[in-house]
Amino acid sequence: MPNYSYSTVTATLVASTAYTALEIKAPATTGIKIKKWWVELNSVTSTDKQVLAQIGQFSAGVTTLTAVTPAKVDWGDASLASQCTVGVNATTEGAGTFTSGYEQHSIGASSGLTIWDPDDMCWQIPPNAFFRIRLTPGSALTTTTAAVGCAWGE
């Protein structure tokens, strides 16, 4: 199973506004395994509220993402490109609801969170399904950006 990764730095987050920072659409014929994801926030203002991070499967995709090509993170099967559709930094939050049962975290505006799951414990995202990292800042927020990313196997 080849492994891939993508990381991005978001545009400035806006208080109380949901923002899809990263989305991966699994291939039509196979699912993917989410192995690692991360969110790091860089606020330097002590009054900024926590950011809700929703990480998991969503019912539909966002159409205003910038398409990107993920990096291959292992050297086996070197000729295989990712079969996923990957996009970052939505300009407008799109359709799709968060699927209950996946992860939601409140992250301090000047901290981060990394989750790395072993192969036998990682999430299985089904074919044609959407995995997202969506951030919703609290009501008080000044200038905060986020570095987010994900590693997965296909």
N, C-alpha and C. Protein backbone atom coordinates (compact mmCIF):
# COMPACT_ATOMS: atom_id res chain seq x y z
N MET A 1 0.85 -1.17 0.00
CA MET A 1 0.00 0.00 0.00
C MET A 1 0.89 1.24 0.00
N PRO A 2 0.88 2.02 -1.07
CA PRO A 2 1.65 3.27 -1.09
C PRO A 2 1.08 4.29 -0.11
N ASN A 3 1.95 5.12 0.43
CA ASN A 3 1.55 6.16 1.38
C ASN A 3 1.82 7.54 0.80
N TYR A 4 0.92 8.48 1.14
CA TYR A 4 0.99 9.84 0.60
C TYR A 4 0.77 10.83 1.74
N SER A 5 1.15 12.08 1.50
CA SER A 5 1.01 13.11 2.52
C SER A 5 0.82 14.46 1.84
N TYR A 6 0.11 15.34 2.53
CA TYR A 6 0.03 16.73 2.08
C TYR A 6 -0.11 17.63 3.30
N SER A 7 0.56 18.78 3.26
CA SER A 7 0.51 19.75 4.34
C SER A 7 0.35 21.13 3.73
N THR A 8 -0.38 22.01 4.42
CA THR A 8 -0.61 23.35 3.92
C THR A 8 -0.69 24.33 5.08
N VAL A 9 -0.47 25.60 4.80
CA VAL A 9 -0.72 26.67 5.75
C VAL A 9 -1.94 27.42 5.25
N THR A 10 -2.90 27.62 6.11
CA THR A 10 -4.18 28.20 5.72
C THR A 10 -4.08 29.71 5.56
N ALA A 11 -5.13 30.23 4.97
CA ALA A 11 -5.35 31.67 5.01
C ALA A 11 -5.70 32.04 6.45
N THR A 12 -5.81 33.31 6.73
CA THR A 12 -6.17 33.74 8.08
C THR A 12 -7.57 33.26 8.44
N LEU A 13 -7.71 32.64 9.60
CA LEU A 13 -9.01 32.18 10.05
C LEU A 13 -9.86 33.36 10.50
N VAL A 14 -11.17 33.24 10.33
CA VAL A 14 -12.11 34.30 10.69
C VAL A 14 -12.97 33.80 11.85
N ALA A 15 -13.14 34.63 12.86
CA ALA A 15 -13.90 34.24 14.05
C ALA A 15 -15.27 33.68 13.69
N SER A 16 -15.62 32.58 14.33
CA SER A 16 -16.93 31.93 14.22
C SER A 16 -17.28 31.47 12.80
N THR A 17 -16.28 31.29 11.94
CA THR A 17 -16.53 30.89 10.55
C THR A 17 -15.83 29.57 10.26
N ALA A 18 -16.61 28.56 9.84
CA ALA A 18 -16.05 27.25 9.49
C ALA A 18 -15.18 27.37 8.25
N TYR A 19 -14.09 26.59 8.23
CA TYR A 19 -13.11 26.69 7.16
C TYR A 19 -12.50 25.32 6.90
N THR A 20 -12.69 24.79 5.69
CA THR A 20 -12.04 23.54 5.32
C THR A 20 -10.63 23.83 4.88
N ALA A 21 -9.67 23.33 5.65
CA ALA A 21 -8.26 23.56 5.35
C ALA A 21 -7.70 22.48 4.43
N LEU A 22 -8.22 21.25 4.53
CA LEU A 22 -7.72 20.13 3.73
C LEU A 22 -8.86 19.14 3.51
N GLU A 23 -8.97 18.66 2.27
CA GLU A 23 -9.97 17.64 1.96
C GLU A 23 -9.35 16.60 1.03
N ILE A 24 -9.64 15.34 1.31
CA ILE A 24 -9.18 14.23 0.48
C ILE A 24 -10.41 13.44 0.06
N LYS A 25 -10.59 13.27 -1.24
CA LYS A 25 -11.66 12.41 -1.75
C LYS A 25 -11.03 11.08 -2.12
N ALA A 26 -11.54 10.01 -1.51
CA ALA A 26 -11.02 8.68 -1.79
C ALA A 26 -11.35 8.29 -3.24
N PRO A 27 -10.52 7.43 -3.86
CA PRO A 27 -10.77 6.98 -5.22
C PRO A 27 -12.13 6.27 -5.33
N ALA A 28 -12.66 6.21 -6.54
CA ALA A 28 -13.98 5.62 -6.77
C ALA A 28 -14.03 4.13 -6.47
N THR A 29 -12.91 3.44 -6.61
CA THR A 29 -12.95 1.98 -6.48
C THR A 29 -12.34 1.45 -5.19
N THR A 30 -11.57 2.28 -4.49
CA THR A 30 -10.96 1.81 -3.24
C THR A 30 -11.05 2.90 -2.18
N GLY A 31 -11.02 2.49 -0.95
CA GLY A 31 -10.98 3.46 0.14
C GLY A 31 -9.54 3.82 0.46
N ILE A 32 -9.36 4.60 1.51
CA ILE A 32 -8.03 4.97 1.98
C ILE A 32 -7.97 4.77 3.49
N LYS A 33 -6.74 4.70 4.02
CA LYS A 33 -6.51 4.61 5.46
C LYS A 33 -5.84 5.90 5.92
N ILE A 34 -6.48 6.62 6.83
CA ILE A 34 -5.88 7.82 7.40
C ILE A 34 -4.91 7.38 8.48
N LYS A 35 -3.64 7.73 8.31
CA LYS A 35 -2.62 7.26 9.24
C LYS A 35 -2.17 8.34 10.22
N LYS A 36 -2.18 9.58 9.80
CA LYS A 36 -1.71 10.67 10.65
C LYS A 36 -2.36 11.96 10.18
N TRP A 37 -2.71 12.82 11.12
CA TRP A 37 -3.17 14.17 10.77
C TRP A 37 -2.67 15.14 11.83
N TRP A 38 -2.59 16.42 11.47
CA TRP A 38 -2.10 17.42 12.41
C TRP A 38 -2.72 18.77 12.14
N VAL A 39 -2.83 19.55 13.22
CA VAL A 39 -3.30 20.93 13.17
C VAL A 39 -2.43 21.72 14.13
N GLU A 40 -1.83 22.81 13.65
CA GLU A 40 -1.02 23.69 14.48
C GLU A 40 -1.49 25.12 14.26
N LEU A 41 -1.77 25.83 15.35
CA LEU A 41 -2.30 27.19 15.28
C LEU A 41 -1.25 28.17 15.80
N ASN A 42 -1.22 29.38 15.24
CA ASN A 42 -0.11 30.29 15.57
C ASN A 42 -0.53 31.63 16.18
N SER A 43 -1.65 31.70 16.85
CA SER A 43 -2.05 32.95 17.47
C SER A 43 -1.06 33.36 18.56
N VAL A 44 -0.83 34.65 18.67
CA VAL A 44 0.03 35.15 19.75
C VAL A 44 -0.75 36.05 20.71
N THR A 45 -2.08 36.07 20.54
CA THR A 45 -2.93 36.91 21.38
C THR A 45 -3.61 36.05 22.44
N SER A 46 -3.42 36.37 23.68
CA SER A 46 -3.94 35.55 24.77
C SER A 46 -5.47 35.55 24.86
N THR A 47 -6.14 36.49 24.22
CA THR A 47 -7.60 36.55 24.30
C THR A 47 -8.30 35.70 23.25
N ASP A 48 -7.56 35.15 22.29
CA ASP A 48 -8.19 34.33 21.25
C ASP A 48 -8.80 33.08 21.86
N LYS A 49 -10.01 32.76 21.41
CA LYS A 49 -10.72 31.57 21.89
C LYS A 49 -10.20 30.32 21.18
N GLN A 50 -10.55 29.16 21.72
CA GLN A 50 -10.14 27.90 21.12
C GLN A 50 -10.77 27.71 19.75
N VAL A 51 -10.15 26.82 18.95
CA VAL A 51 -10.62 26.51 17.61
C VAL A 51 -11.16 25.09 17.62
N LEU A 52 -12.39 24.91 17.12
CA LEU A 52 -12.97 23.58 16.98
C LEU A 52 -12.39 22.95 15.73
N ALA A 53 -11.77 21.81 15.88
CA ALA A 53 -11.23 21.06 14.74
C ALA A 53 -12.08 19.81 14.56
N GLN A 54 -12.70 19.68 13.39
CA GLN A 54 -13.48 18.49 13.05
C GLN A 54 -12.66 17.71 12.03
N ILE A 55 -12.32 16.49 12.39
CA ILE A 55 -11.45 15.68 11.55
C ILE A 55 -12.17 14.36 11.30
N GLY A 56 -12.45 14.09 10.03
CA GLY A 56 -13.12 12.84 9.71
C GLY A 56 -13.86 12.90 8.40
N GLN A 57 -14.86 12.05 8.29
CA GLN A 57 -15.61 11.92 7.06
C GLN A 57 -16.74 12.95 7.01
N PHE A 58 -16.97 13.52 5.82
CA PHE A 58 -18.06 14.45 5.57
C PHE A 58 -18.95 13.89 4.47
N SER A 59 -20.21 14.32 4.45
CA SER A 59 -21.18 13.75 3.52
C SER A 59 -21.05 14.25 2.09
N ALA A 60 -20.33 15.34 1.87
CA ALA A 60 -20.15 15.88 0.51
C ALA A 60 -18.86 16.69 0.49
N GLY A 61 -18.42 17.03 -0.71
CA GLY A 61 -17.17 17.75 -0.87
C GLY A 61 -17.36 19.25 -0.96
N VAL A 62 -16.26 19.97 -0.83
CA VAL A 62 -16.22 21.42 -0.99
C VAL A 62 -15.77 21.68 -2.43
N THR A 63 -16.39 22.64 -3.10
CA THR A 63 -16.06 22.90 -4.51
C THR A 63 -15.11 24.07 -4.70
N THR A 64 -14.74 24.77 -3.63
CA THR A 64 -13.90 25.96 -3.77
C THR A 64 -12.48 25.75 -3.26
N LEU A 65 -12.01 24.53 -3.29
CA LEU A 65 -10.65 24.21 -2.85
C LEU A 65 -9.65 24.40 -3.99
N THR A 66 -8.39 24.60 -3.64
CA THR A 66 -7.31 24.60 -4.62
C THR A 66 -6.78 23.18 -4.74
N ALA A 67 -6.81 22.61 -5.94
CA ALA A 67 -6.33 21.24 -6.16
C ALA A 67 -4.81 21.18 -5.98
N VAL A 68 -4.35 20.11 -5.34
CA VAL A 68 -2.92 19.91 -5.10
C VAL A 68 -2.55 18.46 -5.40
N THR A 69 -1.26 18.21 -5.56
CA THR A 69 -0.74 16.86 -5.77
C THR A 69 -0.02 16.42 -4.51
N PRO A 70 -0.48 15.34 -3.87
CA PRO A 70 0.17 14.90 -2.64
C PRO A 70 1.55 14.32 -2.90
N ALA A 71 2.38 14.36 -1.87
CA ALA A 71 3.72 13.79 -1.93
C ALA A 71 3.67 12.31 -1.60
N LYS A 72 4.50 11.53 -2.26
CA LYS A 72 4.64 10.12 -1.93
C LYS A 72 5.65 10.02 -0.80
N VAL A 73 5.31 9.29 0.27
CA VAL A 73 6.18 9.26 1.44
C VAL A 73 6.88 7.92 1.66
N ASP A 74 6.77 7.02 0.70
CA ASP A 74 7.57 5.81 0.74
C ASP A 74 8.06 5.53 -0.68
N TRP A 75 9.01 4.66 -0.79
CA TRP A 75 9.63 4.45 -2.10
C TRP A 75 9.23 3.14 -2.75
N GLY A 76 8.39 2.35 -2.12
CA GLY A 76 7.85 1.17 -2.79
C GLY A 76 6.83 1.63 -3.83
N ASP A 77 6.65 0.87 -4.88
CA ASP A 77 5.69 1.23 -5.94
C ASP A 77 5.93 2.66 -6.43
N ALA A 78 7.18 3.00 -6.72
CA ALA A 78 7.57 4.38 -7.01
C ALA A 78 6.83 5.01 -8.17
N SER A 79 6.27 4.22 -9.07
CA SER A 79 5.62 4.82 -10.23
C SER A 79 4.16 5.16 -9.98
N LEU A 80 3.64 4.84 -8.82
CA LEU A 80 2.22 5.05 -8.56
C LEU A 80 1.94 6.45 -8.02
N ALA A 81 1.14 7.21 -8.73
CA ALA A 81 0.68 8.50 -8.23
C ALA A 81 -0.57 8.28 -7.39
N SER A 82 -0.84 9.19 -6.49
CA SER A 82 -2.05 9.10 -5.69
C SER A 82 -3.29 9.09 -6.58
N GLN A 83 -4.25 8.28 -6.21
CA GLN A 83 -5.52 8.23 -6.93
C GLN A 83 -6.58 9.11 -6.28
N CYS A 84 -6.22 9.78 -5.20
CA CYS A 84 -7.15 10.66 -4.49
C CYS A 84 -7.22 12.03 -5.15
N THR A 85 -8.33 12.70 -4.93
CA THR A 85 -8.47 14.10 -5.29
C THR A 85 -8.26 14.89 -4.01
N VAL A 86 -7.25 15.76 -3.99
CA VAL A 86 -6.88 16.48 -2.79
C VAL A 86 -6.99 17.98 -3.04
N GLY A 87 -7.60 18.69 -2.09
CA GLY A 87 -7.73 20.14 -2.21
C GLY A 87 -7.49 20.80 -0.86
N VAL A 88 -7.06 22.07 -0.92
CA VAL A 88 -6.76 22.81 0.31
C VAL A 88 -7.37 24.20 0.26
N ASN A 89 -7.50 24.79 1.44
CA ASN A 89 -7.82 26.21 1.63
C ASN A 89 -9.07 26.67 0.87
N ALA A 90 -10.22 26.19 1.32
CA ALA A 90 -11.49 26.56 0.70
C ALA A 90 -11.71 28.06 0.76
N THR A 91 -12.20 28.63 -0.32
CA THR A 91 -12.52 30.06 -0.30
C THR A 91 -13.92 30.30 0.24
N THR A 92 -14.79 29.31 0.11
CA THR A 92 -16.13 29.35 0.69
C THR A 92 -16.44 27.96 1.22
N GLU A 93 -16.91 27.88 2.44
CA GLU A 93 -17.24 26.57 3.02
C GLU A 93 -18.39 25.97 2.22
N GLY A 94 -18.26 24.71 1.87
CA GLY A 94 -19.25 24.09 1.00
C GLY A 94 -20.22 23.19 1.73
N ALA A 95 -20.87 22.39 0.93
CA ALA A 95 -21.87 21.45 1.42
C ALA A 95 -21.20 20.35 2.22
N GLY A 96 -22.02 19.52 2.79
CA GLY A 96 -21.50 18.37 3.50
C GLY A 96 -21.52 18.56 4.99
N THR A 97 -22.04 17.56 5.66
CA THR A 97 -22.09 17.60 7.11
C THR A 97 -21.07 16.63 7.68
N PHE A 98 -20.59 16.95 8.86
CA PHE A 98 -19.63 16.14 9.59
C PHE A 98 -20.31 14.84 10.02
N THR A 99 -19.66 13.71 9.77
CA THR A 99 -20.19 12.42 10.16
C THR A 99 -19.88 12.17 11.62
N SER A 100 -20.92 11.96 12.41
CA SER A 100 -20.70 11.75 13.84
C SER A 100 -19.86 10.50 14.06
N GLY A 101 -19.13 10.49 15.15
CA GLY A 101 -18.29 9.36 15.48
C GLY A 101 -16.82 9.58 15.14
N TYR A 102 -16.52 10.57 14.31
CA TYR A 102 -15.13 10.90 14.03
C TYR A 102 -14.66 11.89 15.10
N GLU A 103 -13.50 12.49 14.93
CA GLU A 103 -12.90 13.28 16.00
C GLU A 103 -13.26 14.75 15.93
N GLN A 104 -13.52 15.32 17.11
CA GLN A 104 -13.68 16.76 17.28
C GLN A 104 -12.82 17.16 18.47
N HIS A 105 -12.05 18.23 18.28
CA HIS A 105 -11.15 18.69 19.34
C HIS A 105 -11.24 20.20 19.44
N SER A 106 -11.13 20.71 20.66
CA SER A 106 -10.96 22.14 20.88
C SER A 106 -9.48 22.37 21.10
N ILE A 107 -8.88 23.16 20.21
CA ILE A 107 -7.44 23.37 20.24
C ILE A 107 -7.17 24.82 20.59
N GLY A 108 -6.29 25.05 21.54
CA GLY A 108 -5.90 26.40 21.89
C GLY A 108 -5.36 27.15 20.68
N ALA A 109 -5.65 28.43 20.59
CA ALA A 109 -5.30 29.22 19.40
C ALA A 109 -3.80 29.37 19.19
N SER A 110 -3.00 28.97 20.16
CA SER A 110 -1.54 29.04 19.99
C SER A 110 -0.90 27.69 20.29
N SER A 111 -1.59 26.61 19.92
CA SER A 111 -1.06 25.27 20.18
C SER A 111 -1.34 24.37 18.98
N GLY A 112 -1.13 23.08 19.15
CA GLY A 112 -1.34 22.14 18.06
C GLY A 112 -1.69 20.76 18.57
N LEU A 113 -2.01 19.88 17.62
CA LEU A 113 -2.40 18.52 17.95
C LEU A 113 -2.00 17.63 16.79
N THR A 114 -1.33 16.52 17.08
CA THR A 114 -0.97 15.54 16.07
C THR A 114 -1.46 14.18 16.54
N ILE A 115 -2.13 13.46 15.64
CA ILE A 115 -2.60 12.11 15.93
C ILE A 115 -1.99 11.18 14.90
N TRP A 116 -1.34 10.13 15.37
CA TRP A 116 -0.71 9.14 14.50
C TRP A 116 -1.22 7.78 14.92
N ASP A 117 -1.95 7.10 14.04
CA ASP A 117 -2.54 5.81 14.36
C ASP A 117 -1.75 4.67 13.74
N PRO A 118 -1.58 3.56 14.48
CA PRO A 118 -0.94 2.39 13.87
C PRO A 118 -1.85 1.80 12.79
N ASP A 119 -1.27 1.05 11.87
CA ASP A 119 -2.03 0.51 10.73
C ASP A 119 -3.30 -0.22 11.13
N ASP A 120 -3.25 -0.96 12.22
CA ASP A 120 -4.44 -1.73 12.59
C ASP A 120 -5.49 -0.90 13.32
N MET A 121 -5.20 0.37 13.57
CA MET A 121 -6.16 1.23 14.28
C MET A 121 -6.62 2.43 13.45
N CYS A 122 -6.10 2.59 12.25
CA CYS A 122 -6.39 3.80 11.49
C CYS A 122 -7.79 3.79 10.88
N TRP A 123 -8.28 4.98 10.57
CA TRP A 123 -9.61 5.11 9.98
C TRP A 123 -9.63 4.58 8.56
N GLN A 124 -10.71 3.94 8.20
CA GLN A 124 -10.95 3.50 6.84
C GLN A 124 -11.97 4.45 6.23
N ILE A 125 -11.57 5.19 5.22
CA ILE A 125 -12.49 6.08 4.52
C ILE A 125 -12.95 5.33 3.27
N PRO A 126 -14.26 5.13 3.08
CA PRO A 126 -14.74 4.30 1.97
C PRO A 126 -14.54 4.96 0.60
N PRO A 127 -14.68 4.18 -0.49
CA PRO A 127 -14.55 4.73 -1.84
C PRO A 127 -15.49 5.92 -2.04
N ASN A 128 -15.01 6.92 -2.77
CA ASN A 128 -15.78 8.12 -3.12
C ASN A 128 -16.19 8.97 -1.93
N ALA A 129 -15.68 8.70 -0.74
CA ALA A 129 -16.04 9.48 0.44
C ALA A 129 -15.04 10.61 0.65
N PHE A 130 -15.43 11.59 1.46
CA PHE A 130 -14.64 12.79 1.69
C PHE A 130 -14.11 12.83 3.12
N PHE A 131 -12.79 12.96 3.26
CA PHE A 131 -12.14 13.18 4.54
C PHE A 131 -11.75 14.66 4.59
N ARG A 132 -12.02 15.33 5.71
CA ARG A 132 -11.69 16.75 5.84
C ARG A 132 -11.06 17.06 7.18
N ILE A 133 -10.31 18.14 7.17
CA ILE A 133 -9.93 18.84 8.39
C ILE A 133 -10.59 20.20 8.29
N ARG A 134 -11.61 20.40 9.12
CA ARG A 134 -12.37 21.66 9.11
C ARG A 134 -12.17 22.36 10.45
N LEU A 135 -11.86 23.64 10.40
CA LEU A 135 -11.59 24.44 11.58
C LEU A 135 -12.65 25.51 11.75
N THR A 136 -13.14 25.68 12.98
CA THR A 136 -14.09 26.75 13.28
C THR A 136 -13.57 27.49 14.51
N PRO A 137 -13.01 28.69 14.32
CA PRO A 137 -12.49 29.47 15.45
C PRO A 137 -13.61 29.93 16.38
N GLY A 138 -13.23 30.24 17.60
CA GLY A 138 -14.18 30.79 18.56
C GLY A 138 -14.59 32.20 18.19
N SER A 139 -15.44 32.79 19.01
CA SER A 139 -16.01 34.10 18.69
C SER A 139 -14.98 35.22 18.75
N ALA A 140 -13.95 35.09 19.55
CA ALA A 140 -12.92 36.13 19.60
C ALA A 140 -11.65 35.59 18.95
N LEU A 141 -11.21 36.23 17.91
CA LEU A 141 -10.04 35.77 17.18
C LEU A 141 -9.41 36.97 16.49
N THR A 142 -8.11 37.08 16.58
CA THR A 142 -7.43 38.18 15.90
C THR A 142 -6.84 37.66 14.60
N THR A 143 -5.55 37.44 14.54
CA THR A 143 -4.91 36.95 13.31
C THR A 143 -4.32 35.59 13.59
N THR A 144 -4.99 34.54 13.13
CA THR A 144 -4.52 33.19 13.35
C THR A 144 -4.52 32.44 12.03
N THR A 145 -3.42 31.77 11.74
CA THR A 145 -3.39 30.83 10.63
C THR A 145 -3.12 29.45 11.19
N ALA A 146 -3.31 28.44 10.37
CA ALA A 146 -3.11 27.06 10.82
C ALA A 146 -2.25 26.32 9.82
N ALA A 147 -1.36 25.48 10.32
CA ALA A 147 -0.66 24.51 9.49
C ALA A 147 -1.35 23.18 9.72
N VAL A 148 -1.87 22.59 8.65
CA VAL A 148 -2.59 21.32 8.76
C VAL A 148 -2.04 20.34 7.75
N GLY A 149 -2.26 19.07 8.02
CA GLY A 149 -1.83 18.06 7.07
C GLY A 149 -2.34 16.70 7.41
N CYS A 150 -2.07 15.76 6.50
CA CYS A 150 -2.56 14.41 6.67
C CYS A 150 -1.63 13.46 5.91
N ALA A 151 -1.48 12.24 6.43
CA ALA A 151 -0.79 11.17 5.75
C ALA A 151 -1.77 10.00 5.64
N TRP A 152 -1.80 9.35 4.49
CA TRP A 152 -2.75 8.27 4.27
C TRP A 152 -2.15 7.20 3.36
N GLY A 153 -2.79 6.03 3.38
CA GLY A 153 -2.41 4.94 2.51
C GLY A 153 -3.52 4.63 1.55
N GLU A 154 -3.14 4.26 0.35
CA GLU A 154 -4.13 3.89 -0.68
C GLU A 154 -3.91 2.46 -1.11
